[in-house]
Amino acid sequence: MHHAFAFKRLLSAALLAAPLLASATGGQWDSTLPSGTTTLAEWNVINSYPSDSTPDVAGAGTLTETTGTAFLTSGGNIYSFSAATAFTVSTAALGAGSWDVYLRIGGLGTSVKDLASLNGVDATRNIVFTEGLGGAFGGAEEESLWKWTLTGGSALNLAFGATGSSLSLDQVGVYAVAATTAVPEPGTWALMAAGLGMVAFMSRRRQGLNAA
């Protein structure tokens, strides 16, 4: 009896989710990334649950849903009607140097949480695309982007989650670009030169006074 009830709930959720998934084009990003980024791992269609270690783009990585309350839809999304889902993503270590690392998430329905973490460090998302979904399901198609700056050498372990039930996770990507050191503007150079000139002048003046 319990199994029959659970199956009916699952079927009802699938029927409710069908208009949502049909109303948006899955597996395609609507936002763009910062210039120069390299894809470390990207899932445009999720192929297995709870873990998928076969990203569609770039190298090795593993995407895992950690609550065990969701299921894989026929369209390659991870969805739960009963609980807020939570996810981890792991990729290989970056090389030496300073890196800007980006996490991009595409979802339908319920939003993801504002905070995500990379190796235990939190960052706040920027919503880079949003569009309302029609039908009784409600919610929006939404793409979120987080950024961290770190030193390479350690594997990347990211974590994020939904604000409530009914997030349909559509796409996940992890990207990196070598961090650049800011170059001072011409005006800044002029101020620095003037400051150095003043220091040299004062030094010569003190030397002259001491000689006298």
Foldseek 3Di string as FASTA:
>chain_A
DVVVVVVVVVVVVLVLCVLQPVQDDALDDPFDDPPPKDFQFKARAADDPQKGQDGPDHDTKMKGWPPPQWHADPRRWTAHQAKKIKMKMWGAWDDFAKKKKKKKWWKTQFAWDQWKDKPRHIWGKDWRDWDWGDDPRTGITTMIMTIDMDGTDGIIMMMIITPIHTITTRMITMIMHHDDDDDDDPVVVVVVVVVVVVVVVVVVVVVVVVVD
